[in-house]
Amino acid sequence: MKRLSLALIFLAAFSPHSIMAQQAQEFGEYTVHYNALNSSLISPEIATAYNIRRSSSRGLINISVLKTSGDEVTTAVAAIVITTGRNLTGQTRTVKMREINEGDGAIYYIGELSVRNMETFDFTVLVTPEGHSEPFTVKFRQQFYTE
């Protein structure tokens, strides 16, 4: 499964349909990586393996949390991830996130939501790494194209 997760990250990071596809924000020893893209850009094999519904009218959110230790080694960590998206007309949607833990050090969270052509969402992601009581807040904007 590691090859599939790497393929998902590669696709998200280099998708021509996603400006600033791979982004990250640092919180001390933690780095939260986040991206959003149309689920139709995911290959059928990856979509099947991760139970993702492929459609140009479906947005896919991908979040991962890495912790850097004193010797500069980064490891993926489990977290509670709560995501909401608000479009420009003020409609708010909660994005149900689910953990993907491949057991070989890869942990990330994905969620899907329906989108319309040229719809822009302002996402707020609350990330609480395991062992922390206060969440980190990540905010980003993504416009989706369905046609």
Protein backbone atom coordinates (compact mmCIF):
# COMPACT_ATOMS: atom_id res chain seq x y z
CA MET A 1 0.00 0.00 0.00
CA LYS A 2 2.92 2.37 0.46
CA ARG A 3 3.24 2.74 -3.31
CA LEU A 4 -0.39 3.84 -3.45
CA SER A 5 0.05 6.47 -0.74
CA LEU A 6 3.13 7.81 -2.47
CA ALA A 7 1.18 7.94 -5.71
CA LEU A 8 -1.61 9.89 -4.01
CA ILE A 9 0.84 12.43 -2.60
CA PHE A 10 2.68 12.68 -5.92
CA LEU A 11 -0.55 13.29 -7.82
CA ALA A 12 -1.71 15.93 -5.38
CA ALA A 13 1.62 17.73 -5.37
CA PHE A 14 2.02 17.88 -9.14
CA SER A 15 -1.54 18.19 -10.39
CA PRO A 16 -1.80 20.89 -13.06
CA HIS A 17 -5.36 21.60 -11.91
CA SER A 18 -4.35 22.56 -8.42
CA ILE A 19 -2.48 25.78 -7.85
CA MET A 20 -0.29 25.44 -4.74
CA ALA A 21 -1.37 21.81 -4.45
CA GLN A 22 1.01 20.79 -1.68
CA GLN A 23 1.20 23.19 1.22
CA ALA A 24 2.48 22.97 4.78
CA GLN A 25 2.39 24.95 7.98
CA GLU A 26 4.77 24.51 10.92
CA PHE A 27 3.79 24.46 14.59
CA GLY A 28 6.99 24.02 16.57
CA GLU A 29 8.14 20.44 16.11
CA TYR A 30 5.03 19.58 14.03
CA THR A 31 4.37 20.21 10.36
CA VAL A 32 0.86 19.90 8.94
CA HIS A 33 0.77 19.17 5.20
CA TYR A 34 -2.51 19.82 3.42
CA ASN A 35 -3.94 19.87 -0.09
CA ALA A 36 -7.24 19.79 -1.94
CA LEU A 37 -8.03 18.62 -5.47
CA ASN A 38 -10.81 17.11 -7.56
CA SER A 39 -11.20 13.41 -6.84
CA SER A 40 -11.45 12.75 -10.59
CA LEU A 41 -7.69 13.38 -10.74
CA ILE A 42 -7.01 10.29 -8.62
CA SER A 43 -6.36 7.12 -10.61
CA PRO A 44 -9.07 4.44 -10.52
CA GLU A 45 -6.68 2.07 -8.70
CA ILE A 46 -5.98 4.53 -5.91
CA ALA A 47 -9.66 5.47 -5.65
CA THR A 48 -10.63 1.81 -5.28
CA ALA A 49 -7.88 1.07 -2.76
CA TYR A 50 -8.91 4.01 -0.54
CA ASN A 51 -12.66 3.92 -1.17
CA ILE A 52 -12.67 7.39 -2.78
CA ARG A 53 -15.53 8.32 -5.09
CA ARG A 54 -14.01 9.66 -8.32
CA SER A 55 -15.95 12.56 -9.80
CA SER A 56 -15.20 16.01 -11.15
CA SER A 57 -17.85 17.30 -8.74
CA ARG A 58 -16.10 15.82 -5.67
CA GLY A 59 -13.32 17.59 -3.81
CA LEU A 60 -10.70 15.57 -1.93
CA ILE A 61 -8.89 16.97 1.12
CA ASN A 62 -5.63 15.33 2.24
CA ILE A 63 -3.98 16.15 5.61
CA SER A 64 -0.85 14.67 7.18
CA VAL A 65 0.97 15.52 10.39
CA LEU A 66 4.72 15.04 10.80
CA LYS A 67 6.78 15.45 13.96
CA THR A 68 10.47 16.35 13.76
CA SER A 69 12.63 14.93 16.52
CA GLY A 70 15.85 16.45 17.85
CA ASP A 71 17.93 14.56 15.30
CA GLU A 72 15.86 16.03 12.41
CA VAL A 73 14.08 12.72 11.75
CA THR A 74 10.42 13.20 10.82
CA THR A 75 7.72 10.70 11.66
CA ALA A 76 4.02 10.66 10.87
CA VAL A 77 1.80 11.04 13.92
CA ALA A 78 -1.84 10.28 14.61
CA ALA A 79 -4.12 13.23 15.23
CA ILE A 80 -7.72 14.30 15.56
CA VAL A 81 -8.53 16.22 12.37
CA ILE A 82 -11.69 18.32 12.06
CA THR A 83 -12.29 20.10 8.76
CA THR A 84 -14.90 22.62 7.70
CA GLY A 85 -15.25 24.42 4.41
CA ARG A 86 -17.12 27.65 3.75
CA ASN A 87 -17.89 28.71 0.19
CA LEU A 88 -18.04 32.32 -0.93
CA THR A 89 -21.83 32.45 -0.49
CA GLY A 90 -21.38 31.58 3.19
CA GLN A 91 -22.51 27.96 3.10
CA THR A 92 -20.54 25.89 5.59
CA ARG A 93 -19.86 22.17 5.21
CA THR A 94 -18.26 19.81 7.66
CA VAL A 95 -15.88 17.45 5.86
CA LYS A 96 -15.82 14.01 7.43
CA MET A 97 -12.16 13.01 7.67
CA ARG A 98 -10.95 9.44 7.94
CA GLU A 99 -7.57 8.13 8.94
CA ILE A 100 -5.45 6.10 6.57
CA ASN A 101 -2.77 4.26 8.56
CA GLU A 102 -0.67 2.04 6.39
CA GLY A 103 1.29 0.62 9.30
CA ASP A 104 4.67 1.44 7.76
CA GLY A 105 4.95 4.96 9.10
CA ALA A 106 2.43 6.57 6.73
CA ILE A 107 -0.57 8.18 8.43
CA TYR A 108 -2.82 10.71 6.76
CA TYR A 109 -6.41 11.88 6.75
CA ILE A 110 -8.70 12.23 3.75
CA GLY A 111 -12.16 13.68 3.33
CA GLU A 112 -14.52 14.37 0.45
CA LEU A 113 -17.13 16.99 -0.31
CA SER A 114 -19.32 17.89 -3.26
CA VAL A 115 -18.22 20.93 -5.28
CA ARG A 116 -19.52 22.98 -8.21
CA ASN A 117 -17.56 24.41 -11.11
CA MET A 118 -15.40 27.38 -10.03
CA GLU A 119 -16.62 27.05 -6.43
CA THR A 120 -14.12 28.40 -3.92
CA PHE A 121 -13.86 27.11 -0.37
CA ASP A 122 -12.10 28.59 2.63
CA PHE A 123 -11.10 25.57 4.70
CA THR A 124 -10.40 25.57 8.42
CA VAL A 125 -8.63 22.46 9.70
CA LEU A 126 -8.22 21.82 13.42
CA VAL A 127 -5.39 19.34 14.02
CA THR A 128 -4.78 17.93 17.49
CA PRO A 129 -1.75 15.60 17.47
CA GLU A 130 -1.91 12.59 19.78
CA GLY A 131 -0.88 13.68 23.28
CA HIS A 132 -1.84 17.34 22.78
CA SER A 133 -4.89 19.03 24.25
CA GLU A 134 -5.00 22.15 22.07
CA PRO A 135 -5.45 22.00 18.29
CA PHE A 136 -3.35 23.69 15.65
CA THR A 137 -5.42 25.72 13.16
CA VAL A 138 -4.67 25.60 9.45
CA LYS A 139 -6.60 27.79 7.02
CA PHE A 140 -6.43 27.65 3.24
CA ARG A 141 -8.47 28.51 0.16
CA GLN A 142 -9.09 26.25 -2.83
CA GLN A 143 -11.08 26.78 -6.00
CA PHE A 144 -12.44 23.70 -7.77
CA TYR A 145 -13.09 23.23 -11.48
CA THR A 146 -15.55 20.54 -12.54
CA GLU A 147 -15.77 21.10 -16.30
